[in-house]
Amino acid sequence: MEYADGPSVHSVVHIEAAVPRVWELVTDIRLPARFSPELRRVAWLDGANGPVVGARFEGFNHHRMLGEWRTVSHVIEADEPRVFAWAVTDADGRYGEVTLDPARSMATWRYEVEAEGSGTRLRQAVRLGPGRSGITAAIESRPDREQEMIAFRLKELRAGMETTLQGIKTLAEEGGRSG
């Protein structure tokens, strides 16, 4: 797999809570920072306070190998209560040219929510690129190791997703059975 192919990874969890409760949690942009190994804090921008297409939010991240950085994400899909997706842009030009164009995002994240049995199936996915990011900088320094680096990054992202999904599951099941 090459970066130009838009490598992706996803994780799925079954939650014994109603769809509206799970939707409420996945659209709380601050919630993943409680569980994610990279995302530290998140805030809506431009007076936005909810998941509507075009809304923007900033995220502050930390990675042991990349240090700290800020992103600006653009909500690109908000189909309540089924899909919430956003494109992450390099608003500060950390990895190259400053961009706020979702079409040139560093990554696109997506939650899919659907009823399943007595609860809800929650899927989280990420697709890398097409814009520059920390992984593109690493690949440029060692192009002969591109596939290895992408596999490593996808493994990291999957682990973070699994931690986040388990956190959402715990919160939803503690207070979401009636939803």
N, C-alpha and C. Protein backbone atom coordinates (compact mmCIF):
# COMPACT_ATOMS: atom_id res chain seq x y z
N MET A 1 0.85 -1.19 0.00
CA MET A 1 0.00 0.00 0.00
C MET A 1 0.88 1.23 0.00
N GLU A 2 0.56 2.17 -0.86
CA GLU A 2 1.27 3.43 -0.94
C GLU A 2 0.37 4.56 -0.46
N TYR A 3 0.98 5.64 0.00
CA TYR A 3 0.22 6.78 0.50
C TYR A 3 -0.73 7.31 -0.56
N ALA A 4 -0.29 7.32 -1.79
CA ALA A 4 -1.12 7.81 -2.90
C ALA A 4 -2.40 7.00 -3.08
N ASP A 5 -2.43 5.77 -2.54
CA ASP A 5 -3.62 4.92 -2.64
C ASP A 5 -4.70 5.28 -1.62
N GLY A 6 -4.40 6.20 -0.69
CA GLY A 6 -5.36 6.54 0.35
C GLY A 6 -5.55 5.41 1.34
N PRO A 7 -4.48 4.97 1.99
CA PRO A 7 -4.61 3.85 2.93
C PRO A 7 -5.63 4.16 4.02
N SER A 8 -6.33 3.11 4.45
CA SER A 8 -7.37 3.32 5.45
C SER A 8 -7.42 2.15 6.42
N VAL A 9 -8.08 2.40 7.52
CA VAL A 9 -8.28 1.38 8.54
C VAL A 9 -9.58 1.71 9.28
N HIS A 10 -10.22 0.69 9.84
CA HIS A 10 -11.44 0.93 10.60
C HIS A 10 -11.52 -0.04 11.77
N SER A 11 -12.44 0.26 12.66
CA SER A 11 -12.72 -0.61 13.79
C SER A 11 -14.22 -0.54 14.06
N VAL A 12 -14.76 -1.62 14.61
CA VAL A 12 -16.21 -1.72 14.84
C VAL A 12 -16.45 -2.23 16.26
N VAL A 13 -17.51 -1.74 16.87
CA VAL A 13 -17.91 -2.22 18.19
C VAL A 13 -19.43 -2.30 18.25
N HIS A 14 -19.95 -3.28 18.98
CA HIS A 14 -21.38 -3.36 19.26
C HIS A 14 -21.60 -2.74 20.63
N ILE A 15 -22.58 -1.87 20.71
CA ILE A 15 -22.88 -1.15 21.95
C ILE A 15 -24.31 -1.46 22.35
N GLU A 16 -24.50 -1.87 23.57
CA GLU A 16 -25.86 -2.12 24.08
C GLU A 16 -26.47 -0.82 24.57
N ALA A 17 -26.75 0.04 23.62
CA ALA A 17 -27.41 1.33 23.86
C ALA A 17 -28.11 1.72 22.58
N ALA A 18 -29.10 2.57 22.69
CA ALA A 18 -29.88 2.99 21.54
C ALA A 18 -29.09 3.93 20.63
N VAL A 19 -29.43 3.91 19.37
CA VAL A 19 -28.77 4.73 18.35
C VAL A 19 -28.69 6.21 18.76
N PRO A 20 -29.77 6.83 19.24
CA PRO A 20 -29.65 8.26 19.60
C PRO A 20 -28.58 8.55 20.65
N ARG A 21 -28.44 7.65 21.62
CA ARG A 21 -27.41 7.84 22.65
C ARG A 21 -26.02 7.75 22.03
N VAL A 22 -25.79 6.79 21.16
CA VAL A 22 -24.49 6.63 20.52
C VAL A 22 -24.22 7.85 19.62
N TRP A 23 -25.22 8.28 18.88
CA TRP A 23 -25.06 9.47 18.02
C TRP A 23 -24.66 10.69 18.85
N GLU A 24 -25.31 10.86 19.99
CA GLU A 24 -24.99 11.98 20.87
C GLU A 24 -23.51 11.95 21.27
N LEU A 25 -22.99 10.77 21.55
CA LEU A 25 -21.60 10.65 21.97
C LEU A 25 -20.63 10.85 20.81
N VAL A 26 -20.89 10.26 19.65
CA VAL A 26 -19.91 10.37 18.56
C VAL A 26 -19.88 11.77 17.96
N THR A 27 -20.93 12.54 18.14
CA THR A 27 -20.93 13.91 17.61
C THR A 27 -20.47 14.92 18.64
N ASP A 28 -20.09 14.46 19.82
CA ASP A 28 -19.46 15.32 20.82
C ASP A 28 -17.97 15.33 20.48
N ILE A 29 -17.52 16.35 19.75
CA ILE A 29 -16.15 16.36 19.24
C ILE A 29 -15.09 16.35 20.34
N ARG A 30 -15.47 16.75 21.54
CA ARG A 30 -14.50 16.78 22.64
C ARG A 30 -14.27 15.39 23.24
N LEU A 31 -15.21 14.50 23.05
CA LEU A 31 -15.16 13.19 23.69
C LEU A 31 -13.93 12.35 23.32
N PRO A 32 -13.53 12.25 22.05
CA PRO A 32 -12.37 11.41 21.73
C PRO A 32 -11.09 11.80 22.46
N ALA A 33 -10.94 13.07 22.83
CA ALA A 33 -9.74 13.49 23.54
C ALA A 33 -9.63 12.80 24.91
N ARG A 34 -10.73 12.31 25.44
CA ARG A 34 -10.70 11.58 26.71
C ARG A 34 -10.04 10.22 26.56
N PHE A 35 -10.04 9.67 25.35
CA PHE A 35 -9.59 8.31 25.14
C PHE A 35 -8.40 8.19 24.17
N SER A 36 -8.29 9.08 23.24
CA SER A 36 -7.29 8.99 22.17
C SER A 36 -5.87 9.13 22.70
N PRO A 37 -4.95 8.32 22.18
CA PRO A 37 -3.55 8.50 22.56
C PRO A 37 -2.89 9.71 21.91
N GLU A 38 -3.53 10.32 20.91
CA GLU A 38 -2.93 11.47 20.22
C GLU A 38 -3.70 12.77 20.42
N LEU A 39 -5.00 12.73 20.32
CA LEU A 39 -5.82 13.94 20.39
C LEU A 39 -5.87 14.41 21.83
N ARG A 40 -5.50 15.66 22.06
CA ARG A 40 -5.45 16.20 23.43
C ARG A 40 -6.66 17.06 23.77
N ARG A 41 -7.08 17.91 22.83
CA ARG A 41 -8.26 18.74 23.07
C ARG A 41 -8.83 19.22 21.74
N VAL A 42 -10.11 19.58 21.79
CA VAL A 42 -10.84 19.95 20.58
C VAL A 42 -11.80 21.09 20.93
N ALA A 43 -12.01 22.01 19.98
CA ALA A 43 -12.96 23.10 20.19
C ALA A 43 -13.59 23.50 18.86
N TRP A 44 -14.89 23.78 18.90
CA TRP A 44 -15.57 24.28 17.71
C TRP A 44 -15.02 25.65 17.35
N LEU A 45 -15.02 25.99 16.08
CA LEU A 45 -14.59 27.29 15.57
C LEU A 45 -15.79 28.03 14.98
N ASP A 46 -15.62 29.31 14.76
CA ASP A 46 -16.61 30.12 14.04
C ASP A 46 -17.98 30.11 14.69
N GLY A 47 -18.06 29.90 15.99
CA GLY A 47 -19.34 29.90 16.68
C GLY A 47 -20.14 28.62 16.51
N ALA A 48 -19.57 27.65 15.81
CA ALA A 48 -20.28 26.37 15.63
C ALA A 48 -20.34 25.65 16.97
N ASN A 49 -21.39 24.84 17.14
CA ASN A 49 -21.48 24.05 18.37
C ASN A 49 -22.16 22.72 18.12
N GLY A 50 -22.09 22.26 16.91
CA GLY A 50 -22.70 20.97 16.61
C GLY A 50 -22.31 20.46 15.25
N PRO A 51 -22.66 19.21 15.00
CA PRO A 51 -22.24 18.52 13.77
C PRO A 51 -23.10 18.86 12.56
N VAL A 52 -22.78 19.96 11.90
CA VAL A 52 -23.47 20.31 10.65
C VAL A 52 -22.42 20.46 9.56
N VAL A 53 -22.77 20.09 8.35
CA VAL A 53 -21.83 20.20 7.24
C VAL A 53 -21.34 21.64 7.13
N GLY A 54 -20.04 21.78 7.02
CA GLY A 54 -19.41 23.10 6.92
C GLY A 54 -18.88 23.60 8.25
N ALA A 55 -19.34 23.08 9.36
CA ALA A 55 -18.82 23.50 10.67
C ALA A 55 -17.34 23.10 10.75
N ARG A 56 -16.60 23.89 11.52
CA ARG A 56 -15.16 23.61 11.67
C ARG A 56 -14.80 23.50 13.15
N PHE A 57 -13.79 22.68 13.41
CA PHE A 57 -13.27 22.59 14.77
C PHE A 57 -11.76 22.39 14.71
N GLU A 58 -11.08 22.85 15.76
CA GLU A 58 -9.64 22.66 15.81
C GLU A 58 -9.32 21.57 16.81
N GLY A 59 -8.25 20.85 16.49
CA GLY A 59 -7.77 19.79 17.36
C GLY A 59 -6.31 20.00 17.67
N PHE A 60 -5.95 19.67 18.89
CA PHE A 60 -4.56 19.76 19.32
C PHE A 60 -4.08 18.35 19.63
N ASN A 61 -2.99 17.97 18.98
CA ASN A 61 -2.52 16.59 19.00
C ASN A 61 -1.10 16.50 19.53
N HIS A 62 -0.76 15.28 19.97
CA HIS A 62 0.60 14.98 20.40
C HIS A 62 0.92 13.54 20.01
N HIS A 63 2.12 13.36 19.48
CA HIS A 63 2.61 12.02 19.13
C HIS A 63 4.05 11.95 19.60
N ARG A 64 4.43 10.83 20.17
CA ARG A 64 5.78 10.70 20.74
C ARG A 64 6.88 10.94 19.71
N MET A 65 6.62 10.65 18.43
CA MET A 65 7.64 10.82 17.40
C MET A 65 7.49 12.12 16.62
N LEU A 66 6.30 12.70 16.62
CA LEU A 66 6.04 13.89 15.80
C LEU A 66 5.91 15.17 16.62
N GLY A 67 5.80 15.04 17.93
CA GLY A 67 5.63 16.23 18.75
C GLY A 67 4.17 16.67 18.79
N GLU A 68 3.98 17.99 18.83
CA GLU A 68 2.63 18.55 18.95
C GLU A 68 2.27 19.33 17.68
N TRP A 69 0.98 19.32 17.36
CA TRP A 69 0.51 20.08 16.21
C TRP A 69 -0.98 20.35 16.35
N ARG A 70 -1.41 21.35 15.58
CA ARG A 70 -2.82 21.75 15.54
C ARG A 70 -3.38 21.45 14.17
N THR A 71 -4.64 21.05 14.14
CA THR A 71 -5.34 20.83 12.87
C THR A 71 -6.65 21.60 12.90
N VAL A 72 -7.20 21.83 11.72
CA VAL A 72 -8.56 22.35 11.61
C VAL A 72 -9.33 21.35 10.78
N SER A 73 -10.43 20.87 11.36
CA SER A 73 -11.26 19.87 10.69
C SER A 73 -12.54 20.51 10.19
N HIS A 74 -13.04 19.98 9.08
CA HIS A 74 -14.24 20.48 8.43
C HIS A 74 -15.25 19.34 8.39
N VAL A 75 -16.44 19.57 8.95
CA VAL A 75 -17.48 18.55 8.90
C VAL A 75 -17.91 18.43 7.44
N ILE A 76 -17.77 17.24 6.87
CA ILE A 76 -18.11 17.02 5.46
C ILE A 76 -19.36 16.16 5.29
N GLU A 77 -19.79 15.53 6.37
CA GLU A 77 -21.02 14.75 6.33
C GLU A 77 -21.60 14.69 7.73
N ALA A 78 -22.89 14.96 7.85
CA ALA A 78 -23.59 14.90 9.13
C ALA A 78 -25.01 14.46 8.84
N ASP A 79 -25.19 13.17 8.71
CA ASP A 79 -26.48 12.58 8.37
C ASP A 79 -27.04 11.91 9.63
N GLU A 80 -27.68 12.71 10.48
CA GLU A 80 -28.19 12.21 11.76
C GLU A 80 -29.25 11.15 11.54
N PRO A 81 -29.19 10.05 12.24
CA PRO A 81 -28.19 9.60 13.21
C PRO A 81 -27.26 8.55 12.63
N ARG A 82 -26.91 8.66 11.36
CA ARG A 82 -26.17 7.58 10.69
C ARG A 82 -24.69 7.84 10.48
N VAL A 83 -24.32 9.02 9.97
CA VAL A 83 -22.93 9.25 9.56
C VAL A 83 -22.46 10.63 10.03
N PHE A 84 -21.29 10.65 10.61
CA PHE A 84 -20.61 11.89 10.98
C PHE A 84 -19.18 11.77 10.48
N ALA A 85 -18.76 12.68 9.58
CA ALA A 85 -17.43 12.60 8.99
C ALA A 85 -16.81 13.99 8.89
N TRP A 86 -15.48 14.03 8.99
CA TRP A 86 -14.77 15.29 8.90
C TRP A 86 -13.41 15.10 8.24
N ALA A 87 -12.98 16.16 7.55
CA ALA A 87 -11.68 16.18 6.87
C ALA A 87 -10.74 17.05 7.70
N VAL A 88 -9.54 16.53 7.95
CA VAL A 88 -8.54 17.19 8.80
C VAL A 88 -7.54 17.93 7.91
N THR A 89 -7.39 19.23 8.15
CA THR A 89 -6.47 20.03 7.33
C THR A 89 -5.30 20.57 8.16
N ASP A 90 -4.24 20.88 7.45
CA ASP A 90 -3.01 21.40 8.06
C ASP A 90 -3.08 22.93 8.03
N ALA A 91 -3.81 23.48 8.98
CA ALA A 91 -4.07 24.91 9.01
C ALA A 91 -2.83 25.75 9.30
N ASP A 92 -1.81 25.14 9.88
CA ASP A 92 -0.61 25.89 10.24
C ASP A 92 0.57 25.59 9.32
N GLY A 93 0.37 24.73 8.32
CA GLY A 93 1.44 24.40 7.40
C GLY A 93 2.58 23.62 8.03
N ARG A 94 2.29 22.85 9.02
CA ARG A 94 3.34 22.07 9.69
C ARG A 94 4.01 21.08 8.74
N TYR A 95 3.26 20.52 7.81
CA TYR A 95 3.81 19.49 6.92
C TYR A 95 3.97 19.98 5.48
N GLY A 96 3.92 21.28 5.28
CA GLY A 96 4.06 21.84 3.94
C GLY A 96 3.24 23.11 3.85
N GLU A 97 2.57 23.27 2.75
CA GLU A 97 1.76 24.45 2.51
C GLU A 97 0.53 24.48 3.42
N VAL A 98 0.23 25.65 3.96
CA VAL A 98 -0.99 25.82 4.75
C VAL A 98 -2.18 25.48 3.87
N THR A 99 -3.09 24.68 4.41
CA THR A 99 -4.31 24.39 3.64
C THR A 99 -5.50 24.27 4.57
N LEU A 100 -6.60 24.86 4.14
CA LEU A 100 -7.89 24.69 4.81
C LEU A 100 -8.88 24.06 3.85
N ASP A 101 -8.37 23.46 2.81
CA ASP A 101 -9.20 22.84 1.78
C ASP A 101 -9.44 21.37 2.13
N PRO A 102 -10.69 20.99 2.46
CA PRO A 102 -10.97 19.60 2.80
C PRO A 102 -10.58 18.61 1.69
N ALA A 103 -10.55 19.05 0.45
CA ALA A 103 -10.16 18.17 -0.65
C ALA A 103 -8.67 17.82 -0.59
N ARG A 104 -7.91 18.59 0.18
CA ARG A 104 -6.48 18.33 0.34
C ARG A 104 -6.17 17.95 1.79
N SER A 105 -7.07 17.23 2.40
CA SER A 105 -6.94 16.89 3.83
C SER A 105 -5.80 15.94 4.11
N MET A 106 -5.32 16.01 5.35
CA MET A 106 -4.30 15.07 5.83
C MET A 106 -4.95 13.70 6.05
N ALA A 107 -6.21 13.74 6.45
CA ALA A 107 -6.95 12.50 6.72
C ALA A 107 -8.43 12.82 6.76
N THR A 108 -9.25 11.80 6.55
CA THR A 108 -10.70 11.93 6.68
C THR A 108 -11.16 10.86 7.66
N TRP A 109 -11.87 11.31 8.67
CA TRP A 109 -12.40 10.43 9.72
C TRP A 109 -13.90 10.29 9.56
N ARG A 110 -14.43 9.14 10.00
CA ARG A 110 -15.86 8.87 9.79
C ARG A 110 -16.39 7.93 10.86
N TYR A 111 -17.55 8.27 11.40
CA TYR A 111 -18.31 7.37 12.26
C TYR A 111 -19.56 6.95 11.48
N GLU A 112 -19.89 5.67 11.56
CA GLU A 112 -21.15 5.16 11.01
C GLU A 112 -21.89 4.47 12.14
N VAL A 113 -23.15 4.85 12.31
CA VAL A 113 -23.97 4.36 13.41
C VAL A 113 -25.19 3.66 12.82
N GLU A 114 -25.48 2.44 13.29
CA GLU A 114 -26.69 1.76 12.82
C GLU A 114 -27.22 0.82 13.88
N ALA A 115 -28.53 0.68 13.90
CA ALA A 115 -29.16 -0.24 14.84
C ALA A 115 -28.69 -1.65 14.54
N GLU A 116 -28.46 -2.42 15.61
CA GLU A 116 -28.02 -3.80 15.45
C GLU A 116 -28.55 -4.59 16.65
N GLY A 117 -29.49 -5.48 16.38
CA GLY A 117 -30.07 -6.26 17.46
C GLY A 117 -30.68 -5.36 18.51
N SER A 118 -30.30 -5.57 19.76
CA SER A 118 -30.84 -4.77 20.86
C SER A 118 -30.02 -3.51 21.12
N GLY A 119 -29.05 -3.23 20.27
CA GLY A 119 -28.20 -2.06 20.49
C GLY A 119 -27.81 -1.37 19.20
N THR A 120 -26.56 -0.99 19.13
CA THR A 120 -26.05 -0.18 18.02
C THR A 120 -24.68 -0.70 17.58
N ARG A 121 -24.48 -0.70 16.28
CA ARG A 121 -23.18 -1.01 15.70
C ARG A 121 -22.51 0.32 15.38
N LEU A 122 -21.31 0.53 15.93
CA LEU A 122 -20.57 1.76 15.68
C LEU A 122 -19.27 1.41 14.97
N ARG A 123 -19.07 2.06 13.83
CA ARG A 123 -17.86 1.86 13.04
C ARG A 123 -17.13 3.19 12.96
N GLN A 124 -15.83 3.16 13.22
CA GLN A 124 -14.99 4.34 13.05
C GLN A 124 -13.94 4.00 12.00
N ALA A 125 -13.70 4.94 11.10
CA ALA A 125 -12.74 4.70 10.03
C ALA A 125 -11.93 5.97 9.77
N VAL A 126 -10.74 5.76 9.22
CA VAL A 126 -9.91 6.88 8.79
C VAL A 126 -9.27 6.50 7.46
N ARG A 127 -9.18 7.49 6.58
CA ARG A 127 -8.45 7.35 5.31
C ARG A 127 -7.38 8.43 5.31
N LEU A 128 -6.15 8.04 5.06
CA LEU A 128 -5.04 8.99 5.04
C LEU A 128 -4.98 9.71 3.70
N GLY A 129 -4.57 10.98 3.76
CA GLY A 129 -4.39 11.76 2.55
C GLY A 129 -5.67 12.34 2.01
N PRO A 130 -5.56 12.97 0.86
CA PRO A 130 -4.44 13.00 -0.07
C PRO A 130 -3.37 14.05 0.26
N GLY A 131 -3.67 14.95 1.21
CA GLY A 131 -2.72 16.01 1.54
C GLY A 131 -1.54 15.52 2.35
N ARG A 132 -0.58 16.41 2.51
CA ARG A 132 0.63 16.10 3.28
C ARG A 132 0.30 15.96 4.75
N SER A 133 1.09 15.11 5.42
CA SER A 133 0.94 14.89 6.86
C SER A 133 2.28 14.41 7.40
N GLY A 134 2.30 14.05 8.66
CA GLY A 134 3.51 13.52 9.27
C GLY A 134 4.03 12.29 8.57
N ILE A 135 3.13 11.46 8.10
CA ILE A 135 3.56 10.22 7.43
C ILE A 135 4.20 10.53 6.08
N THR A 136 3.74 11.55 5.38
CA THR A 136 4.37 11.88 4.10
C THR A 136 5.78 12.40 4.32
N ALA A 137 5.99 13.17 5.38
CA ALA A 137 7.34 13.65 5.69
C ALA A 137 8.26 12.47 5.99
N ALA A 138 7.77 11.50 6.73
CA ALA A 138 8.58 10.32 7.05
C ALA A 138 8.90 9.52 5.79
N ILE A 139 7.91 9.36 4.94
CA ILE A 139 8.11 8.59 3.69
C ILE A 139 9.15 9.27 2.81
N GLU A 140 9.11 10.59 2.74
CA GLU A 140 10.09 11.31 1.92
C GLU A 140 11.51 11.10 2.41
N SER A 141 11.67 10.92 3.71
CA SER A 141 13.02 10.71 4.24
C SER A 141 13.51 9.28 4.02
N ARG A 142 12.59 8.33 3.87
CA ARG A 142 12.94 6.92 3.66
C ARG A 142 11.94 6.27 2.71
N PRO A 143 11.93 6.65 1.43
CA PRO A 143 10.94 6.13 0.50
C PRO A 143 10.98 4.60 0.35
N ASP A 144 12.11 3.99 0.61
CA ASP A 144 12.23 2.54 0.52
C ASP A 144 11.44 1.82 1.62
N ARG A 145 10.98 2.56 2.64
CA ARG A 145 10.25 1.97 3.76
C ARG A 145 8.79 2.43 3.80
N GLU A 146 8.28 2.95 2.68
CA GLU A 146 6.93 3.50 2.65
C GLU A 146 5.88 2.52 3.15
N GLN A 147 5.87 1.32 2.62
CA GLN A 147 4.84 0.34 3.01
C GLN A 147 4.93 0.01 4.49
N GLU A 148 6.13 -0.14 4.98
CA GLU A 148 6.33 -0.44 6.41
C GLU A 148 5.81 0.71 7.28
N MET A 149 6.11 1.94 6.87
CA MET A 149 5.67 3.11 7.64
C MET A 149 4.15 3.24 7.63
N ILE A 150 3.55 3.00 6.49
CA ILE A 150 2.09 3.08 6.41
C ILE A 150 1.46 1.99 7.27
N ALA A 151 1.97 0.79 7.21
CA ALA A 151 1.43 -0.30 8.03
C ALA A 151 1.56 0.04 9.51
N PHE A 152 2.69 0.62 9.91
CA PHE A 152 2.89 1.01 11.30
C PHE A 152 1.88 2.07 11.71
N ARG A 153 1.71 3.09 10.86
CA ARG A 153 0.77 4.18 11.18
C ARG A 153 -0.66 3.67 11.26
N LEU A 154 -1.05 2.82 10.34
CA LEU A 154 -2.42 2.27 10.38
C LEU A 154 -2.62 1.44 11.64
N LYS A 155 -1.60 0.72 12.06
CA LYS A 155 -1.70 -0.06 13.30
C LYS A 155 -1.90 0.87 14.50
N GLU A 156 -1.15 1.98 14.53
CA GLU A 156 -1.32 2.97 15.60
C GLU A 156 -2.73 3.54 15.60
N LEU A 157 -3.21 3.90 14.43
CA LEU A 157 -4.54 4.50 14.33
C LEU A 157 -5.63 3.52 14.73
N ARG A 158 -5.50 2.25 14.32
CA ARG A 158 -6.49 1.24 14.72
C ARG A 158 -6.50 1.08 16.24
N ALA A 159 -5.35 1.04 16.86
CA ALA A 159 -5.28 0.91 18.31
C ALA A 159 -5.97 2.09 18.99
N GLY A 160 -5.73 3.29 18.48
CA GLY A 160 -6.40 4.48 19.03
C GLY A 160 -7.90 4.42 18.84
N MET A 161 -8.34 3.96 17.69
CA MET A 161 -9.79 3.83 17.43
C MET A 161 -10.40 2.83 18.39
N GLU A 162 -9.74 1.70 18.58
CA GLU A 162 -10.29 0.67 19.46
C GLU A 162 -10.43 1.20 20.88
N THR A 163 -9.45 1.97 21.34
CA THR A 163 -9.53 2.58 22.67
C THR A 163 -10.69 3.57 22.73
N THR A 164 -10.82 4.41 21.72
CA THR A 164 -11.90 5.39 21.68
C THR A 164 -13.26 4.71 21.63
N LEU A 165 -13.40 3.71 20.77
CA LEU A 165 -14.69 3.00 20.66
C LEU A 165 -15.06 2.31 21.97
N GLN A 166 -14.09 1.74 22.65
CA GLN A 166 -14.38 1.11 23.94
C GLN A 166 -14.81 2.15 24.97
N GLY A 167 -14.21 3.33 24.92
CA GLY A 167 -14.62 4.41 25.81
C GLY A 167 -16.04 4.86 25.52
N ILE A 168 -16.38 5.00 24.25
CA ILE A 168 -17.75 5.37 23.86
C ILE A 168 -18.72 4.29 24.30
N LYS A 169 -18.35 3.04 24.08
CA LYS A 169 -19.20 1.91 24.49
C LYS A 169 -19.49 1.96 25.99
N THR A 170 -18.45 2.16 26.78
CA THR A 170 -18.62 2.22 28.23
C THR A 170 -19.57 3.35 28.62
N LEU A 171 -19.35 4.54 28.08
CA LEU A 171 -20.22 5.68 28.41
C LEU A 171 -21.66 5.44 27.96
N ALA A 172 -21.83 4.93 26.76
CA ALA A 172 -23.18 4.70 26.23
C ALA A 172 -23.93 3.65 27.03
N GLU A 173 -23.23 2.59 27.38
CA GLU A 173 -23.89 1.49 28.10
C GLU A 173 -24.19 1.87 29.55
N GLU A 174 -23.38 2.75 30.13
CA GLU A 174 -23.64 3.20 31.49
C GLU A 174 -24.90 4.04 31.56
N GLY A 175 -25.15 4.88 30.55
CA GLY A 175 -26.28 5.78 30.62
C GLY A 175 -27.19 5.77 29.42
N GLY A 176 -27.00 4.81 28.50
CA GLY A 176 -27.71 4.90 27.24
C GLY A 176 -28.70 3.81 26.95
N ARG A 177 -29.05 2.98 27.88
CA ARG A 177 -29.96 1.87 27.56
C ARG A 177 -31.36 2.32 27.20
N SER A 178 -31.76 3.46 27.71
CA SER A 178 -33.15 3.88 27.47
C SER A 178 -33.34 4.67 26.18
N GLY A 179 -32.28 5.38 25.66
CA GLY A 179 -32.30 6.25 24.53
C GLY A 179 -33.37 6.09 23.58
